[in-house]
């Protein structure tokens, strides 16, 4: 299961989930692109799993996270432990 997580510098101390969970990476990717159309995207990582925007509300970060069992785990990173999100997606899953 994949989730879209967002960290808003003004409103959230921890990431919040955007929408529902998604069965595939491709579904989550399509959903995050729809979500990001509301903002002017400032940049993204080369793998396309992490985006950031700057607007009047400050810095906003969005990424795709893989949720396995009861422990959420960022795709390629340590978001659940306060680290920076997603550098790469594990294509073996």
Protein backbone atom coordinates (compact mmCIF):
# COMPACT_ATOMS: atom_id res chain seq x y z
CA UNK A 1 0.00 0.00 0.00
CA UNK A 2 1.29 3.45 -0.89
CA UNK A 3 0.35 6.75 0.75
CA UNK A 4 0.87 10.39 -0.08
CA UNK A 5 2.32 12.34 2.83
CA UNK A 6 2.59 16.09 3.13
CA UNK A 7 4.51 18.29 5.52
CA UNK A 8 3.33 21.89 5.68
CA UNK A 9 5.76 24.22 7.47
CA UNK A 10 2.94 26.37 8.89
CA UNK A 11 0.36 23.83 9.97
CA UNK A 12 1.84 20.43 10.69
CA UNK A 13 4.58 19.27 13.02
CA UNK A 14 4.41 15.79 11.54
CA UNK A 15 3.42 14.60 8.06
CA UNK A 16 -0.26 14.24 7.28
CA UNK A 17 -1.75 11.80 4.81
CA UNK A 18 -3.35 13.23 1.67
CA UNK A 19 -6.28 11.17 0.44
CA UNK A 20 -6.56 7.41 0.90
CA UNK A 21 -4.01 4.65 0.47
CA UNK A 22 -3.20 3.41 -3.04
CA UNK A 23 -2.62 -0.18 -4.14
CA UNK A 24 0.12 0.64 -6.66
CA UNK A 25 2.96 3.13 -7.05
CA UNK A 26 1.43 4.31 -10.31
CA UNK A 27 -1.93 5.11 -8.65
CA UNK A 28 -0.14 7.07 -5.90
CA UNK A 29 1.96 8.91 -8.47
CA UNK A 30 -1.14 9.95 -10.46
CA UNK A 31 -2.84 11.12 -7.25
CA UNK A 32 0.13 13.16 -6.04
CA UNK A 33 0.40 14.86 -9.44
CA UNK A 34 -3.29 15.83 -9.20
CA UNK A 35 -2.72 17.14 -5.67
CA UNK A 36 0.34 19.16 -6.70
CA UNK A 37 -1.57 20.95 -9.49
CA UNK A 38 -2.92 23.20 -6.71
CA UNK A 39 0.59 24.58 -6.08
CA UNK A 40 3.52 25.93 -8.05
CA UNK A 41 6.11 23.16 -7.67
CA UNK A 42 9.59 24.44 -6.87
CA UNK A 43 11.43 21.17 -7.39
CA UNK A 44 11.56 17.40 -7.08
CA UNK A 45 14.11 14.65 -6.69
CA UNK A 46 15.35 12.92 -9.88
CA UNK A 47 13.50 9.70 -9.06
CA UNK A 48 10.17 11.54 -8.94
CA UNK A 49 9.08 10.43 -5.48
CA UNK A 50 9.48 13.74 -3.58
CA UNK A 51 8.32 17.30 -4.42
CA UNK A 52 8.49 20.65 -2.65
CA UNK A 53 6.73 23.96 -3.14
CA UNK A 54 7.10 27.45 -1.73
CA UNK A 55 4.11 29.73 -1.57
CA UNK A 56 2.55 32.35 0.71
CA UNK A 57 2.07 29.61 3.32
CA UNK A 58 5.79 28.74 3.33
CA UNK A 59 7.44 25.46 2.47
CA UNK A 60 5.36 22.39 1.67
CA UNK A 61 6.83 18.94 1.01
CA UNK A 62 4.98 15.99 -0.53
CA UNK A 63 6.16 12.43 -1.07
CA UNK A 64 5.01 8.88 -1.66
CA UNK A 65 5.42 6.48 1.25
CA UNK A 66 5.06 2.72 1.29
CA UNK A 67 2.98 1.37 4.16
CA UNK A 68 3.86 -2.21 5.14
CA UNK A 69 2.01 -3.99 7.93
CA UNK A 70 1.61 -1.53 10.82
CA UNK A 71 4.85 0.39 10.31
CA UNK A 72 4.88 3.20 7.73
CA UNK A 73 8.13 3.38 5.81
CA UNK A 74 9.10 6.07 3.35
CA UNK A 75 10.17 4.79 0.00
CA UNK A 76 13.96 5.00 0.21
CA UNK A 77 14.11 7.16 3.36
CA UNK A 78 13.39 7.48 7.08
CA UNK A 79 10.34 9.74 7.28
CA UNK A 80 8.77 7.73 10.10
CA UNK A 81 11.81 8.65 12.20
CA UNK A 82 11.84 12.32 11.24
CA UNK A 83 14.28 11.97 8.33
CA UNK A 84 14.00 13.48 4.88
CA UNK A 85 11.67 11.61 2.52
CA UNK A 86 12.27 9.40 -0.47
CA UNK A 87 15.27 9.34 -2.69
CA UNK A 88 14.41 6.25 -4.66
CA UNK A 89 11.69 3.65 -5.00
CA UNK A 90 12.49 -0.01 -4.50
CA UNK A 91 11.41 -1.48 -7.84
CA UNK A 92 11.45 -5.05 -6.44
CA UNK A 93 8.10 -4.43 -4.68
